[in-house]
């Protein structure tokens, strides 16, 4: 009996993981996000999302003054700002772009 319960629990966990992957795939197809979409897409908690929007740290739109929307292209650019160079890139820059 306990073994069946474990198998059922594992099945539900696998099913939930599959649904999460499907949801993430569908989300990445959208061009405009709601606030909830934005948080899921970026992996942020809602409280962190509110902090980012209230401090105007992330580009967003509020056409009716209440509901928040985000353009995926802008969010992708925002997420990829401030790149951290690899050690190899730093070494190449130090050599003036010349190969070793």
C-alpha atoms as a PDB file:
ATOM      1  CA  UNK A   1       0.000   0.000   0.000  1.00  0.00           C
ATOM      2  CA  UNK A   2       2.764   2.469   0.919  1.00  0.00           C
ATOM      3  CA  UNK A   3       4.596   1.577  -2.281  1.00  0.00           C
ATOM      4  CA  UNK A   4       1.516   2.528  -4.335  1.00  0.00           C
ATOM      5  CA  UNK A   5       1.298   5.874  -2.544  1.00  0.00           C
ATOM      6  CA  UNK A   6       4.950   6.554  -3.314  1.00  0.00           C
ATOM      7  CA  UNK A   7       4.396   5.682  -6.990  1.00  0.00           C
ATOM      8  CA  UNK A   8       1.347   7.942  -7.139  1.00  0.00           C
ATOM      9  CA  UNK A   9       3.254  10.807  -5.507  1.00  0.00           C
ATOM     10  CA  UNK A  10       6.133  10.375  -7.979  1.00  0.00           C
ATOM     11  CA  UNK A  11       3.674  10.312 -10.876  1.00  0.00           C
ATOM     12  CA  UNK A  12       2.063  13.570  -9.738  1.00  0.00           C
ATOM     13  CA  UNK A  13       5.461  15.193  -9.245  1.00  0.00           C
ATOM     14  CA  UNK A  14       6.549  14.189 -12.762  1.00  0.00           C
ATOM     15  CA  UNK A  15       3.232  15.421 -14.176  1.00  0.00           C
ATOM     16  CA  UNK A  16       3.614  18.779 -12.412  1.00  0.00           C
ATOM     17  CA  UNK A  17       7.170  19.124 -13.733  1.00  0.00           C
ATOM     18  CA  UNK A  18       5.930  18.423 -17.268  1.00  0.00           C
ATOM     19  CA  UNK A  19       3.149  20.980 -16.910  1.00  0.00           C
ATOM     20  CA  UNK A  20       5.660  23.563 -15.654  1.00  0.00           C
ATOM     21  CA  UNK A  21       7.848  22.958 -18.724  1.00  0.00           C
ATOM     22  CA  UNK A  22       4.831  23.274 -21.044  1.00  0.00           C
ATOM     23  CA  UNK A  23       3.738  26.473 -19.298  1.00  0.00           C
ATOM     24  CA  UNK A  24       7.254  27.917 -19.584  1.00  0.00           C
ATOM     25  CA  UNK A  25       7.333  27.035 -23.291  1.00  0.00           C
ATOM     26  CA  UNK A  26       4.012  28.730 -23.910  1.00  0.00           C
ATOM     27  CA  UNK A  27       5.108  31.742 -21.900  1.00  0.00           C
ATOM     28  CA  UNK A  28       8.226  32.197 -24.010  1.00  0.00           C
ATOM     29  CA  UNK A  29       6.014  32.463 -27.116  1.00  0.00           C
ATOM     30  CA  UNK A  30       4.211  35.564 -25.830  1.00  0.00           C
ATOM     31  CA  UNK A  31       5.394  39.040 -26.837  1.00  0.00           C
ATOM     32  CA  UNK A  32       3.650  40.943 -24.045  1.00  0.00           C
ATOM     33  CA  UNK A  33       3.609  39.749 -20.453  1.00  0.00           C
ATOM     34  CA  UNK A  34       1.264  40.439 -17.597  1.00  0.00           C
ATOM     35  CA  UNK A  35       2.823  41.027 -14.192  1.00  0.00           C
ATOM     36  CA  UNK A  36       2.393  37.342 -13.295  1.00  0.00           C
ATOM     37  CA  UNK A  37       3.928  36.293 -16.626  1.00  0.00           C
ATOM     38  CA  UNK A  38       6.876  38.621 -16.013  1.00  0.00           C
ATOM     39  CA  UNK A  39       7.545  37.136 -12.583  1.00  0.00           C
ATOM     40  CA  UNK A  40       7.312  33.564 -13.859  1.00  0.00           C
ATOM     41  CA  UNK A  41       9.442  34.265 -16.922  1.00  0.00           C
ATOM     42  CA  UNK A  42      12.193  35.869 -14.849  1.00  0.00           C
ATOM     43  CA  UNK A  43      11.832  33.535 -11.877  1.00  0.00           C
ATOM     44  CA  UNK A  44      11.061  36.413  -9.512  1.00  0.00           C
ATOM     45  CA  UNK A  45       8.732  36.440  -6.555  1.00  0.00           C
ATOM     46  CA  UNK A  46       5.800  38.832  -6.833  1.00  0.00           C
ATOM     47  CA  UNK A  47       7.212  40.986  -4.047  1.00  0.00           C
ATOM     48  CA  UNK A  48      10.518  41.360  -5.943  1.00  0.00           C
ATOM     49  CA  UNK A  49       8.596  42.141  -9.142  1.00  0.00           C
ATOM     50  CA  UNK A  50       6.655  44.879  -7.334  1.00  0.00           C
ATOM     51  CA  UNK A  51       9.889  46.287  -5.942  1.00  0.00           C
ATOM     52  CA  UNK A  52      11.426  46.404  -9.434  1.00  0.00           C
ATOM     53  CA  UNK A  53       8.401  48.125 -10.953  1.00  0.00           C
ATOM     54  CA  UNK A  54       7.806  50.591  -8.128  1.00  0.00           C
ATOM     55  CA  UNK A  55      11.454  51.670  -8.246  1.00  0.00           C
ATOM     56  CA  UNK A  56      11.232  51.886 -12.061  1.00  0.00           C
ATOM     57  CA  UNK A  57      14.189  49.515 -12.357  1.00  0.00           C
ATOM     58  CA  UNK A  58      12.557  47.410 -15.070  1.00  0.00           C
ATOM     59  CA  UNK A  59      10.828  48.684 -18.251  1.00  0.00           C
ATOM     60  CA  UNK A  60       7.063  48.281 -18.064  1.00  0.00           C
ATOM     61  CA  UNK A  61       3.797  49.815 -19.201  1.00  0.00           C
ATOM     62  CA  UNK A  62       0.617  50.744 -17.388  1.00  0.00           C
ATOM     63  CA  UNK A  63      -1.941  51.877 -19.992  1.00  0.00           C
ATOM     64  CA  UNK A  64      -4.808  52.208 -17.521  1.00  0.00           C
ATOM     65  CA  UNK A  65      -2.725  53.313 -14.555  1.00  0.00           C
ATOM     66  CA  UNK A  66      -3.177  50.051 -12.677  1.00  0.00           C
ATOM     67  CA  UNK A  67      -2.441  46.909 -14.684  1.00  0.00           C
ATOM     68  CA  UNK A  68       1.224  46.338 -15.566  1.00  0.00           C
ATOM     69  CA  UNK A  69       2.499  44.973 -18.864  1.00  0.00           C
ATOM     70  CA  UNK A  70       5.984  44.097 -20.050  1.00  0.00           C
ATOM     71  CA  UNK A  71       7.387  43.704 -23.543  1.00  0.00           C
ATOM     72  CA  UNK A  72       9.336  40.440 -23.808  1.00  0.00           C
ATOM     73  CA  UNK A  73      12.058  41.929 -26.029  1.00  0.00           C
ATOM     74  CA  UNK A  74      12.675  44.714 -23.509  1.00  0.00           C
ATOM     75  CA  UNK A  75      12.718  42.250 -20.608  1.00  0.00           C
ATOM     76  CA  UNK A  76      15.230  40.045 -22.421  1.00  0.00           C
ATOM     77  CA  UNK A  77      17.481  43.080 -23.016  1.00  0.00           C
ATOM     78  CA  UNK A  78      17.076  44.131 -19.391  1.00  0.00           C
ATOM     79  CA  UNK A  79      17.935  40.641 -18.135  1.00  0.00           C
ATOM     80  CA  UNK A  80      21.087  40.563 -20.279  1.00  0.00           C
ATOM     81  CA  UNK A  81      22.458  43.947 -19.218  1.00  0.00           C
ATOM     82  CA  UNK A  82      25.789  44.208 -17.411  1.00  0.00           C
ATOM     83  CA  UNK A  83      27.476  41.115 -18.876  1.00  0.00           C
ATOM     84  CA  UNK A  84      30.273  39.543 -16.867  1.00  0.00           C
ATOM     85  CA  UNK A  85      33.240  38.720 -19.081  1.00  0.00           C
ATOM     86  CA  UNK A  86      34.929  35.354 -18.908  1.00  0.00           C
ATOM     87  CA  UNK A  87      38.543  35.099 -17.825  1.00  0.00           C
ATOM     88  CA  UNK A  88      39.500  34.387 -21.446  1.00  0.00           C
ATOM     89  CA  UNK A  89      37.722  37.558 -22.635  1.00  0.00           C
ATOM     90  CA  UNK A  90      39.491  39.624 -19.966  1.00  0.00           C
ATOM     91  CA  UNK A  91      42.861  38.197 -20.991  1.00  0.00           C
ATOM     92  CA  UNK A  92      42.131  38.935 -24.646  1.00  0.00           C
ATOM     93  CA  UNK A  93      41.149  42.527 -23.768  1.00  0.00           C
ATOM     94  CA  UNK A  94      44.339  42.925 -21.717  1.00  0.00           C
ATOM     95  CA  UNK A  95      46.380  41.892 -24.754  1.00  0.00           C
ATOM     96  CA  UNK A  96      44.635  44.512 -26.876  1.00  0.00           C
ATOM     97  CA  UNK A  97      42.516  41.991 -28.740  1.00  0.00           C
ATOM     98  CA  UNK A  98      45.511  40.036 -30.004  1.00  0.00           C
ATOM     99  CA  UNK A  99      45.581  36.261 -29.846  1.00  0.00           C
ATOM    100  CA  UNK A 100      48.107  34.591 -27.562  1.00  0.00           C
END
